[in-house]
Amino acid sequence: MNFDFREILTVGMVLFAVIDIVGTVPIIVDLRRKHGHIESEKASLVAGIIMIVFLFIGEEFLNIIGIDVHSFAVAGSFVLFFLALEMILGIRIYRDEEASSASIVPIAFPLIAGAGTMTTLLSLRSQYHAENIVIAIILNVILVYAVLKSSSKIEKMLGKTGLGVVRKAFGVVLLAIAVKLFAANVKGLFI
């Protein structure tokens, strides 16, 4: 086993920034108003299962369609780059359709375990050990559960300005991670 606290911390921070559960509190509060009760346990569990399954079968899926991990990681770095720009600049580049339910769709997928998270997982898989990524996923799912359970309290505590500051700070972190992923994997495209 290759357990490494630094890897777990790094991957955990990357996933925390990509999932951006604190930044999505306003969306969650809005969904609560529209759809009533949100099943935090179910949403967290389903998102965790989706992420772990994709972590292990994502690479095989790419092999079936003829894409190597380096290409996917470079593409993932672009996705992370644009997600970071959304967070920093407060713009929407990617738009989802309006949801009819709340717990599984859109909270578990695609809000928590969406395209950005999937891309990030495979990009991280090219640099970090799978067991450390799984631990980081589990830690993030626990954090997601806690935030879902207490989203209204967090909204009151941070306020609109506080949520904006947190979102922008993690956007800058995510931008740096995108650049690092690109630099680490772009060489593999030409080998």
N, C-alpha and C. Protein backbone atom coordinates (compact mmCIF):
# COMPACT_ATOMS: atom_id res chain seq x y z
N MET A 1 0.84 -1.20 0.00
CA MET A 1 0.00 0.00 0.00
C MET A 1 0.88 1.25 0.00
N ASN A 2 0.43 2.25 -0.71
CA ASN A 2 1.20 3.49 -0.86
C ASN A 2 0.51 4.67 -0.21
N PHE A 3 0.11 4.52 1.05
CA PHE A 3 -0.57 5.61 1.73
C PHE A 3 0.41 6.75 1.99
N ASP A 4 0.02 7.94 1.59
CA ASP A 4 0.88 9.11 1.74
C ASP A 4 -0.01 10.28 2.13
N PHE A 5 0.21 10.78 3.34
CA PHE A 5 -0.63 11.87 3.86
C PHE A 5 -0.59 13.10 2.95
N ARG A 6 0.60 13.42 2.42
CA ARG A 6 0.71 14.59 1.53
C ARG A 6 -0.11 14.40 0.26
N GLU A 7 -0.08 13.19 -0.32
CA GLU A 7 -0.89 12.92 -1.51
C GLU A 7 -2.37 13.03 -1.19
N ILE A 8 -2.79 12.47 -0.06
CA ILE A 8 -4.20 12.53 0.34
C ILE A 8 -4.62 13.98 0.51
N LEU A 9 -3.78 14.77 1.16
CA LEU A 9 -4.08 16.19 1.37
C LEU A 9 -4.16 16.95 0.05
N THR A 10 -3.20 16.71 -0.84
CA THR A 10 -3.19 17.39 -2.13
C THR A 10 -4.41 17.02 -2.96
N VAL A 11 -4.67 15.72 -3.09
CA VAL A 11 -5.82 15.25 -3.87
C VAL A 11 -7.12 15.74 -3.23
N GLY A 12 -7.17 15.69 -1.90
CA GLY A 12 -8.37 16.16 -1.20
C GLY A 12 -8.65 17.63 -1.47
N MET A 13 -7.60 18.45 -1.46
CA MET A 13 -7.77 19.88 -1.75
C MET A 13 -8.19 20.12 -3.20
N VAL A 14 -7.61 19.34 -4.13
CA VAL A 14 -8.00 19.46 -5.53
C VAL A 14 -9.47 19.13 -5.70
N LEU A 15 -9.89 18.00 -5.14
CA LEU A 15 -11.30 17.60 -5.25
C LEU A 15 -12.21 18.60 -4.56
N PHE A 16 -11.78 19.11 -3.40
CA PHE A 16 -12.59 20.11 -2.69
C PHE A 16 -12.79 21.34 -3.57
N ALA A 17 -11.72 21.77 -4.24
CA ALA A 17 -11.82 22.94 -5.12
C ALA A 17 -12.70 22.66 -6.33
N VAL A 18 -12.58 21.47 -6.91
CA VAL A 18 -13.38 21.14 -8.11
C VAL A 18 -14.84 20.94 -7.75
N ILE A 19 -15.10 20.20 -6.69
CA ILE A 19 -16.49 19.97 -6.27
C ILE A 19 -17.12 21.29 -5.84
N ASP A 20 -16.34 22.13 -5.18
CA ASP A 20 -16.76 23.47 -4.76
C ASP A 20 -18.08 23.43 -4.01
N ILE A 21 -18.17 22.56 -3.02
CA ILE A 21 -19.43 22.38 -2.29
C ILE A 21 -19.81 23.64 -1.52
N VAL A 22 -18.84 24.38 -1.00
CA VAL A 22 -19.16 25.62 -0.29
C VAL A 22 -19.69 26.67 -1.28
N GLY A 23 -19.08 26.72 -2.46
CA GLY A 23 -19.52 27.66 -3.48
C GLY A 23 -20.89 27.34 -4.05
N THR A 24 -21.31 26.08 -3.90
CA THR A 24 -22.63 25.69 -4.42
C THR A 24 -23.72 25.80 -3.37
N VAL A 25 -23.39 26.28 -2.18
CA VAL A 25 -24.41 26.44 -1.13
C VAL A 25 -25.60 27.28 -1.62
N PRO A 26 -25.36 28.39 -2.34
CA PRO A 26 -26.53 29.13 -2.84
C PRO A 26 -27.42 28.29 -3.77
N ILE A 27 -26.80 27.45 -4.60
CA ILE A 27 -27.58 26.57 -5.49
C ILE A 27 -28.36 25.56 -4.67
N ILE A 28 -27.71 24.99 -3.65
CA ILE A 28 -28.36 23.99 -2.79
C ILE A 28 -29.53 24.62 -2.04
N VAL A 29 -29.34 25.83 -1.52
CA VAL A 29 -30.41 26.54 -0.81
C VAL A 29 -31.59 26.79 -1.76
N ASP A 30 -31.29 27.18 -3.00
CA ASP A 30 -32.33 27.41 -4.00
C ASP A 30 -33.08 26.10 -4.32
N LEU A 31 -32.34 25.00 -4.45
CA LEU A 31 -32.98 23.70 -4.72
C LEU A 31 -33.85 23.27 -3.55
N ARG A 32 -33.40 23.55 -2.33
CA ARG A 32 -34.21 23.24 -1.14
C ARG A 32 -35.54 24.00 -1.18
N ARG A 33 -35.48 25.26 -1.59
CA ARG A 33 -36.71 26.06 -1.69
C ARG A 33 -37.65 25.50 -2.75
N LYS A 34 -37.07 25.08 -3.90
CA LYS A 34 -37.89 24.60 -5.01
C LYS A 34 -38.45 23.21 -4.79
N HIS A 35 -37.62 22.31 -4.23
CA HIS A 35 -37.99 20.90 -4.15
C HIS A 35 -38.23 20.38 -2.74
N GLY A 36 -38.08 21.21 -1.74
CA GLY A 36 -38.27 20.76 -0.37
C GLY A 36 -37.04 20.07 0.17
N HIS A 37 -37.26 19.02 0.95
CA HIS A 37 -36.18 18.30 1.63
C HIS A 37 -35.20 17.67 0.64
N ILE A 38 -33.91 17.82 0.90
CA ILE A 38 -32.86 17.17 0.12
C ILE A 38 -32.27 16.06 0.99
N GLU A 39 -32.22 14.85 0.44
CA GLU A 39 -31.68 13.70 1.17
C GLU A 39 -30.15 13.75 1.10
N SER A 40 -29.55 14.35 2.11
CA SER A 40 -28.10 14.55 2.14
C SER A 40 -27.34 13.24 2.09
N GLU A 41 -27.82 12.23 2.83
CA GLU A 41 -27.15 10.93 2.86
C GLU A 41 -27.12 10.30 1.48
N LYS A 42 -28.28 10.27 0.84
CA LYS A 42 -28.39 9.64 -0.48
C LYS A 42 -27.53 10.38 -1.51
N ALA A 43 -27.60 11.71 -1.53
CA ALA A 43 -26.82 12.50 -2.49
C ALA A 43 -25.33 12.27 -2.30
N SER A 44 -24.86 12.26 -1.06
CA SER A 44 -23.43 12.08 -0.77
C SER A 44 -22.97 10.68 -1.15
N LEU A 45 -23.75 9.66 -0.78
CA LEU A 45 -23.39 8.27 -1.07
C LEU A 45 -23.33 8.02 -2.57
N VAL A 46 -24.34 8.47 -3.30
CA VAL A 46 -24.36 8.26 -4.76
C VAL A 46 -23.19 8.97 -5.42
N ALA A 47 -22.90 10.21 -5.01
CA ALA A 47 -21.77 10.94 -5.58
C ALA A 47 -20.45 10.21 -5.31
N GLY A 48 -20.27 9.70 -4.09
CA GLY A 48 -19.06 8.96 -3.75
C GLY A 48 -18.90 7.71 -4.58
N ILE A 49 -19.99 6.96 -4.75
CA ILE A 49 -19.95 5.73 -5.55
C ILE A 49 -19.59 6.06 -7.00
N ILE A 50 -20.23 7.09 -7.55
CA ILE A 50 -19.94 7.49 -8.94
C ILE A 50 -18.46 7.82 -9.09
N MET A 51 -17.91 8.59 -8.16
CA MET A 51 -16.50 9.00 -8.26
C MET A 51 -15.55 7.81 -8.15
N ILE A 52 -15.79 6.92 -7.19
CA ILE A 52 -14.90 5.77 -6.99
C ILE A 52 -14.97 4.81 -8.18
N VAL A 53 -16.18 4.54 -8.67
CA VAL A 53 -16.32 3.65 -9.83
C VAL A 53 -15.61 4.25 -11.04
N PHE A 54 -15.81 5.54 -11.27
CA PHE A 54 -15.17 6.18 -12.43
C PHE A 54 -13.65 6.20 -12.28
N LEU A 55 -13.16 6.35 -11.06
CA LEU A 55 -11.72 6.33 -10.82
C LEU A 55 -11.11 5.03 -11.33
N PHE A 56 -11.81 3.90 -11.11
CA PHE A 56 -11.25 2.60 -11.46
C PHE A 56 -11.60 2.13 -12.88
N ILE A 57 -12.75 2.51 -13.40
CA ILE A 57 -13.08 2.05 -14.76
C ILE A 57 -12.88 3.12 -15.81
N GLY A 58 -12.63 4.34 -15.39
CA GLY A 58 -12.46 5.44 -16.34
C GLY A 58 -11.32 5.22 -17.31
N GLU A 59 -10.18 4.74 -16.80
CA GLU A 59 -9.01 4.52 -17.66
C GLU A 59 -9.27 3.41 -18.67
N GLU A 60 -9.93 2.32 -18.22
CA GLU A 60 -10.27 1.22 -19.13
C GLU A 60 -11.24 1.71 -20.20
N PHE A 61 -12.17 2.54 -19.79
CA PHE A 61 -13.12 3.11 -20.75
C PHE A 61 -12.38 3.92 -21.81
N LEU A 62 -11.41 4.72 -21.37
CA LEU A 62 -10.61 5.51 -22.31
C LEU A 62 -9.83 4.61 -23.27
N ASN A 63 -9.28 3.51 -22.73
CA ASN A 63 -8.53 2.58 -23.58
C ASN A 63 -9.43 1.98 -24.66
N ILE A 64 -10.67 1.68 -24.30
CA ILE A 64 -11.61 1.11 -25.26
C ILE A 64 -11.84 2.07 -26.42
N ILE A 65 -11.93 3.37 -26.11
CA ILE A 65 -12.16 4.34 -27.18
C ILE A 65 -10.87 4.93 -27.75
N GLY A 66 -9.72 4.42 -27.27
CA GLY A 66 -8.44 4.78 -27.86
C GLY A 66 -7.83 6.10 -27.41
N ILE A 67 -8.06 6.49 -26.18
CA ILE A 67 -7.48 7.73 -25.65
C ILE A 67 -6.55 7.37 -24.49
N ASP A 68 -5.31 7.91 -24.51
CA ASP A 68 -4.39 7.62 -23.41
C ASP A 68 -4.62 8.60 -22.25
N VAL A 69 -4.11 8.24 -21.09
CA VAL A 69 -4.32 9.02 -19.86
C VAL A 69 -3.71 10.41 -19.98
N HIS A 70 -2.56 10.54 -20.65
CA HIS A 70 -1.92 11.85 -20.78
C HIS A 70 -2.82 12.81 -21.58
N SER A 71 -3.41 12.31 -22.66
CA SER A 71 -4.31 13.15 -23.46
C SER A 71 -5.51 13.59 -22.63
N PHE A 72 -6.06 12.63 -21.87
CA PHE A 72 -7.21 12.95 -21.03
C PHE A 72 -6.83 13.94 -19.94
N ALA A 73 -5.63 13.77 -19.38
CA ALA A 73 -5.18 14.68 -18.33
C ALA A 73 -4.97 16.09 -18.86
N VAL A 74 -4.42 16.21 -20.07
CA VAL A 74 -4.26 17.54 -20.67
C VAL A 74 -5.63 18.16 -20.93
N ALA A 75 -6.55 17.35 -21.49
CA ALA A 75 -7.91 17.85 -21.71
C ALA A 75 -8.54 18.24 -20.37
N GLY A 76 -8.30 17.43 -19.34
CA GLY A 76 -8.81 17.73 -18.01
C GLY A 76 -8.24 19.02 -17.44
N SER A 77 -6.98 19.30 -17.77
CA SER A 77 -6.40 20.55 -17.28
C SER A 77 -7.10 21.75 -17.90
N PHE A 78 -7.55 21.62 -19.15
CA PHE A 78 -8.32 22.70 -19.78
C PHE A 78 -9.68 22.88 -19.10
N VAL A 79 -10.33 21.74 -18.78
CA VAL A 79 -11.62 21.81 -18.08
C VAL A 79 -11.44 22.49 -16.73
N LEU A 80 -10.41 22.09 -15.99
CA LEU A 80 -10.13 22.72 -14.70
C LEU A 80 -9.83 24.20 -14.84
N PHE A 81 -9.10 24.54 -15.90
CA PHE A 81 -8.77 25.93 -16.17
C PHE A 81 -10.05 26.76 -16.33
N PHE A 82 -10.99 26.25 -17.13
CA PHE A 82 -12.23 27.00 -17.36
C PHE A 82 -13.13 27.02 -16.11
N LEU A 83 -13.12 25.91 -15.34
CA LEU A 83 -13.85 25.91 -14.07
C LEU A 83 -13.28 26.97 -13.13
N ALA A 84 -11.95 27.07 -13.10
CA ALA A 84 -11.30 28.08 -12.25
C ALA A 84 -11.66 29.48 -12.70
N LEU A 85 -11.69 29.70 -14.02
CA LEU A 85 -12.09 31.02 -14.52
C LEU A 85 -13.51 31.36 -14.11
N GLU A 86 -14.41 30.35 -14.17
CA GLU A 86 -15.79 30.58 -13.73
C GLU A 86 -15.81 31.02 -12.27
N MET A 87 -15.02 30.34 -11.43
CA MET A 87 -15.01 30.64 -10.01
C MET A 87 -14.41 32.02 -9.73
N ILE A 88 -13.31 32.34 -10.40
CA ILE A 88 -12.61 33.61 -10.14
C ILE A 88 -13.38 34.80 -10.70
N LEU A 89 -13.85 34.67 -11.93
CA LEU A 89 -14.49 35.81 -12.61
C LEU A 89 -15.99 35.91 -12.36
N GLY A 90 -16.58 34.86 -11.77
CA GLY A 90 -18.01 34.88 -11.50
C GLY A 90 -18.87 34.80 -12.75
N ILE A 91 -18.35 34.10 -13.77
CA ILE A 91 -19.11 33.92 -15.01
C ILE A 91 -19.54 32.47 -15.15
N ARG A 92 -20.51 32.21 -16.03
CA ARG A 92 -20.95 30.84 -16.31
C ARG A 92 -20.58 30.50 -17.74
N ILE A 93 -19.64 29.56 -17.91
CA ILE A 93 -19.27 29.08 -19.23
C ILE A 93 -20.10 27.84 -19.56
N TYR A 94 -20.27 26.97 -18.56
CA TYR A 94 -21.02 25.73 -18.73
C TYR A 94 -22.38 25.88 -18.07
N ARG A 95 -23.44 25.52 -18.77
CA ARG A 95 -24.79 25.65 -18.23
C ARG A 95 -25.50 24.30 -18.26
N ASP A 96 -26.13 23.94 -17.14
CA ASP A 96 -26.94 22.73 -17.06
C ASP A 96 -28.40 23.06 -17.31
N GLU A 97 -29.14 22.02 -17.73
CA GLU A 97 -30.58 22.20 -17.87
C GLU A 97 -31.22 22.23 -16.49
N GLU A 98 -32.41 22.81 -16.41
CA GLU A 98 -33.14 22.90 -15.13
C GLU A 98 -33.53 21.49 -14.67
N ALA A 99 -33.33 21.20 -13.40
CA ALA A 99 -33.61 19.87 -12.86
C ALA A 99 -35.03 19.76 -12.34
N SER A 100 -35.55 18.53 -12.35
CA SER A 100 -36.90 18.31 -11.81
C SER A 100 -36.87 17.68 -10.43
N SER A 101 -35.73 17.10 -10.01
CA SER A 101 -35.59 16.55 -8.67
C SER A 101 -34.31 17.11 -8.08
N ALA A 102 -34.07 16.80 -6.80
CA ALA A 102 -32.94 17.47 -6.18
C ALA A 102 -31.86 16.56 -5.61
N SER A 103 -32.20 15.46 -4.94
CA SER A 103 -31.18 14.69 -4.21
C SER A 103 -30.14 14.03 -5.10
N ILE A 104 -30.57 13.25 -6.09
CA ILE A 104 -29.62 12.57 -6.95
C ILE A 104 -29.22 13.49 -8.11
N VAL A 105 -30.21 13.94 -8.86
CA VAL A 105 -29.98 14.89 -9.95
C VAL A 105 -30.61 16.20 -9.54
N PRO A 106 -29.95 17.29 -9.47
CA PRO A 106 -28.59 17.60 -9.92
C PRO A 106 -27.54 17.59 -8.83
N ILE A 107 -27.88 17.28 -7.56
CA ILE A 107 -26.87 17.43 -6.50
C ILE A 107 -25.78 16.37 -6.62
N ALA A 108 -26.13 15.06 -6.55
CA ALA A 108 -25.10 14.02 -6.64
C ALA A 108 -24.41 14.05 -7.99
N PHE A 109 -25.22 14.17 -9.04
CA PHE A 109 -24.70 14.26 -10.40
C PHE A 109 -25.54 15.25 -11.15
N PRO A 110 -25.01 16.30 -11.70
CA PRO A 110 -23.61 16.62 -11.94
C PRO A 110 -23.00 17.64 -10.99
N LEU A 111 -23.72 18.10 -9.96
CA LEU A 111 -23.18 19.16 -9.10
C LEU A 111 -21.93 18.70 -8.34
N ILE A 112 -21.98 17.50 -7.73
CA ILE A 112 -20.83 16.99 -6.97
C ILE A 112 -19.93 16.14 -7.87
N ALA A 113 -20.49 15.10 -8.48
CA ALA A 113 -19.71 14.20 -9.33
C ALA A 113 -20.01 14.49 -10.79
N GLY A 114 -19.63 15.65 -11.24
CA GLY A 114 -19.90 16.06 -12.61
C GLY A 114 -18.70 15.88 -13.52
N ALA A 115 -18.77 16.49 -14.68
CA ALA A 115 -17.73 16.35 -15.69
C ALA A 115 -16.38 16.83 -15.17
N GLY A 116 -16.37 17.95 -14.46
CA GLY A 116 -15.11 18.46 -13.93
C GLY A 116 -14.48 17.51 -12.93
N THR A 117 -15.31 16.92 -12.07
CA THR A 117 -14.81 15.97 -11.08
C THR A 117 -14.27 14.72 -11.75
N MET A 118 -15.00 14.19 -12.75
CA MET A 118 -14.55 12.98 -13.45
C MET A 118 -13.22 13.22 -14.17
N THR A 119 -13.13 14.34 -14.85
CA THR A 119 -11.90 14.69 -15.55
C THR A 119 -10.75 14.81 -14.55
N THR A 120 -11.03 15.45 -13.44
CA THR A 120 -10.01 15.63 -12.40
C THR A 120 -9.54 14.29 -11.86
N LEU A 121 -10.48 13.37 -11.60
CA LEU A 121 -10.11 12.06 -11.06
C LEU A 121 -9.14 11.32 -11.97
N LEU A 122 -9.43 11.31 -13.27
CA LEU A 122 -8.53 10.61 -14.18
C LEU A 122 -7.21 11.35 -14.33
N SER A 123 -7.26 12.66 -14.28
CA SER A 123 -6.01 13.43 -14.34
C SER A 123 -5.16 13.14 -13.11
N LEU A 124 -5.79 13.10 -11.94
CA LEU A 124 -5.08 12.80 -10.70
C LEU A 124 -4.54 11.38 -10.70
N ARG A 125 -5.29 10.46 -11.31
CA ARG A 125 -4.88 9.05 -11.36
C ARG A 125 -3.54 8.91 -12.08
N SER A 126 -3.26 9.82 -13.00
CA SER A 126 -2.00 9.74 -13.74
C SER A 126 -0.80 10.17 -12.88
N GLN A 127 -1.05 10.80 -11.73
CA GLN A 127 0.05 11.30 -10.90
C GLN A 127 0.08 10.76 -9.48
N TYR A 128 -1.06 10.27 -8.97
CA TYR A 128 -1.14 9.85 -7.58
C TYR A 128 -1.63 8.41 -7.46
N HIS A 129 -1.37 7.79 -6.30
CA HIS A 129 -1.79 6.40 -6.06
C HIS A 129 -3.30 6.33 -5.82
N ALA A 130 -3.92 5.28 -6.35
CA ALA A 130 -5.38 5.12 -6.29
C ALA A 130 -5.91 5.10 -4.85
N GLU A 131 -5.19 4.43 -3.92
CA GLU A 131 -5.69 4.35 -2.55
C GLU A 131 -5.74 5.72 -1.88
N ASN A 132 -4.79 6.59 -2.21
CA ASN A 132 -4.80 7.95 -1.66
C ASN A 132 -5.96 8.76 -2.25
N ILE A 133 -6.25 8.53 -3.53
CA ILE A 133 -7.37 9.22 -4.17
C ILE A 133 -8.70 8.77 -3.56
N VAL A 134 -8.83 7.46 -3.31
CA VAL A 134 -10.07 6.93 -2.70
C VAL A 134 -10.28 7.55 -1.32
N ILE A 135 -9.22 7.62 -0.52
CA ILE A 135 -9.34 8.24 0.81
C ILE A 135 -9.75 9.70 0.68
N ALA A 136 -9.15 10.41 -0.28
CA ALA A 136 -9.51 11.82 -0.49
C ALA A 136 -10.96 11.95 -0.95
N ILE A 137 -11.43 11.01 -1.77
CA ILE A 137 -12.84 11.02 -2.20
C ILE A 137 -13.75 10.84 -0.99
N ILE A 138 -13.42 9.86 -0.15
CA ILE A 138 -14.25 9.58 1.04
C ILE A 138 -14.27 10.79 1.97
N LEU A 139 -13.12 11.41 2.18
CA LEU A 139 -13.07 12.61 3.04
C LEU A 139 -13.92 13.74 2.45
N ASN A 140 -13.86 13.90 1.13
CA ASN A 140 -14.66 14.93 0.48
C ASN A 140 -16.15 14.61 0.55
N VAL A 141 -16.51 13.34 0.43
CA VAL A 141 -17.92 12.95 0.53
C VAL A 141 -18.45 13.24 1.93
N ILE A 142 -17.64 12.99 2.95
CA ILE A 142 -18.03 13.31 4.33
C ILE A 142 -18.24 14.81 4.48
N LEU A 143 -17.32 15.59 3.90
CA LEU A 143 -17.44 17.04 3.94
C LEU A 143 -18.68 17.51 3.17
N VAL A 144 -18.93 16.91 2.01
CA VAL A 144 -20.13 17.23 1.21
C VAL A 144 -21.38 16.97 2.03
N TYR A 145 -21.41 15.82 2.70
CA TYR A 145 -22.56 15.47 3.54
C TYR A 145 -22.78 16.52 4.63
N ALA A 146 -21.68 16.91 5.29
CA ALA A 146 -21.80 17.92 6.36
C ALA A 146 -22.31 19.25 5.81
N VAL A 147 -21.82 19.64 4.65
CA VAL A 147 -22.26 20.91 4.05
C VAL A 147 -23.73 20.82 3.62
N LEU A 148 -24.12 19.70 3.00
CA LEU A 148 -25.52 19.53 2.60
C LEU A 148 -26.44 19.59 3.81
N LYS A 149 -26.02 18.94 4.89
CA LYS A 149 -26.83 18.92 6.11
C LYS A 149 -26.99 20.31 6.73
N SER A 150 -25.93 21.12 6.62
CA SER A 150 -25.95 22.43 7.29
C SER A 150 -25.85 23.60 6.32
N SER A 151 -26.36 23.42 5.10
CA SER A 151 -26.22 24.47 4.09
C SER A 151 -26.89 25.79 4.48
N SER A 152 -28.03 25.71 5.13
CA SER A 152 -28.70 26.97 5.50
C SER A 152 -27.91 27.70 6.60
N LYS A 153 -27.30 26.96 7.53
CA LYS A 153 -26.48 27.57 8.57
C LYS A 153 -25.23 28.21 7.97
N ILE A 154 -24.60 27.51 7.00
CA ILE A 154 -23.40 28.03 6.36
C ILE A 154 -23.72 29.31 5.60
N GLU A 155 -24.87 29.31 4.91
CA GLU A 155 -25.28 30.50 4.16
C GLU A 155 -25.44 31.70 5.09
N LYS A 156 -26.08 31.49 6.24
CA LYS A 156 -26.27 32.57 7.20
C LYS A 156 -24.94 33.03 7.79
N MET A 157 -24.06 32.07 8.08
CA MET A 157 -22.79 32.37 8.73
C MET A 157 -21.84 33.15 7.80
N LEU A 158 -21.65 32.69 6.56
CA LEU A 158 -20.72 33.33 5.65
C LEU A 158 -21.31 34.54 4.94
N GLY A 159 -22.59 34.49 4.68
CA GLY A 159 -23.21 35.56 3.91
C GLY A 159 -22.81 35.49 2.45
N LYS A 160 -23.41 36.31 1.65
CA LYS A 160 -23.14 36.29 0.21
C LYS A 160 -21.69 36.67 -0.10
N THR A 161 -21.17 37.65 0.60
CA THR A 161 -19.79 38.11 0.38
C THR A 161 -18.79 37.03 0.77
N GLY A 162 -19.01 36.39 1.91
CA GLY A 162 -18.12 35.33 2.38
C GLY A 162 -18.07 34.16 1.42
N LEU A 163 -19.23 33.76 0.90
CA LEU A 163 -19.28 32.67 -0.07
C LEU A 163 -18.52 33.04 -1.33
N GLY A 164 -18.64 34.30 -1.75
CA GLY A 164 -17.92 34.77 -2.93
C GLY A 164 -16.41 34.74 -2.75
N VAL A 165 -15.94 35.13 -1.58
CA VAL A 165 -14.51 35.12 -1.28
C VAL A 165 -13.96 33.69 -1.29
N VAL A 166 -14.68 32.76 -0.65
CA VAL A 166 -14.26 31.36 -0.61
C VAL A 166 -14.19 30.80 -2.03
N ARG A 167 -15.21 31.08 -2.82
CA ARG A 167 -15.26 30.58 -4.20
C ARG A 167 -14.07 31.11 -5.01
N LYS A 168 -13.76 32.38 -4.90
CA LYS A 168 -12.66 32.98 -5.67
C LYS A 168 -11.31 32.44 -5.20
N ALA A 169 -11.14 32.26 -3.90
CA ALA A 169 -9.88 31.73 -3.37
C ALA A 169 -9.62 30.32 -3.90
N PHE A 170 -10.65 29.48 -3.89
CA PHE A 170 -10.47 28.12 -4.41
C PHE A 170 -10.34 28.13 -5.93
N GLY A 171 -10.85 29.14 -6.58
CA GLY A 171 -10.67 29.28 -8.02
C GLY A 171 -9.20 29.48 -8.38
N VAL A 172 -8.51 30.30 -7.60
CA VAL A 172 -7.09 30.55 -7.83
C VAL A 172 -6.29 29.26 -7.59
N VAL A 173 -6.62 28.53 -6.52
CA VAL A 173 -5.96 27.25 -6.25
C VAL A 173 -6.18 26.29 -7.42
N LEU A 174 -7.41 26.22 -7.90
CA LEU A 174 -7.75 25.33 -9.00
C LEU A 174 -7.01 25.72 -10.28
N LEU A 175 -6.85 27.01 -10.52
CA LEU A 175 -6.12 27.49 -11.69
C LEU A 175 -4.66 27.02 -11.64
N ALA A 176 -4.04 27.12 -10.48
CA ALA A 176 -2.66 26.66 -10.31
C ALA A 176 -2.56 25.16 -10.53
N ILE A 177 -3.54 24.41 -10.05
CA ILE A 177 -3.56 22.95 -10.23
C ILE A 177 -3.70 22.60 -11.71
N ALA A 178 -4.53 23.35 -12.42
CA ALA A 178 -4.72 23.12 -13.86
C ALA A 178 -3.41 23.30 -14.61
N VAL A 179 -2.67 24.34 -14.27
CA VAL A 179 -1.38 24.60 -14.91
C VAL A 179 -0.40 23.47 -14.60
N LYS A 180 -0.38 23.00 -13.35
CA LYS A 180 0.52 21.91 -12.96
C LYS A 180 0.17 20.62 -13.70
N LEU A 181 -1.12 20.29 -13.79
CA LEU A 181 -1.55 19.08 -14.51
C LEU A 181 -1.16 19.16 -15.98
N PHE A 182 -1.34 20.32 -16.58
CA PHE A 182 -0.98 20.50 -17.98
C PHE A 182 0.51 20.28 -18.17
N ALA A 183 1.31 20.94 -17.34
CA ALA A 183 2.78 20.85 -17.47
C ALA A 183 3.27 19.42 -17.25
N ALA A 184 2.66 18.70 -16.31
CA ALA A 184 3.11 17.34 -16.00
C ALA A 184 2.73 16.34 -17.08
N ASN A 185 1.67 16.59 -17.83
CA ASN A 185 1.19 15.60 -18.79
C ASN A 185 1.42 15.95 -20.25
N VAL A 186 1.70 17.19 -20.55
CA VAL A 186 1.86 17.58 -21.96
C VAL A 186 3.07 16.89 -22.60
N LYS A 187 4.11 16.63 -21.81
CA LYS A 187 5.28 15.93 -22.34
C LYS A 187 4.93 14.52 -22.81
N GLY A 188 3.99 13.87 -22.08
CA GLY A 188 3.58 12.51 -22.43
C GLY A 188 2.86 12.41 -23.76
N LEU A 189 2.39 13.51 -24.29
CA LEU A 189 1.72 13.49 -25.60
C LEU A 189 2.69 13.28 -26.74
N PHE A 190 3.95 13.64 -26.51
CA PHE A 190 4.92 13.61 -27.60
C PHE A 190 5.92 12.46 -27.49
N ILE A 191 5.67 11.56 -26.56
CA ILE A 191 6.58 10.41 -26.38
C ILE A 191 6.09 9.24 -27.20
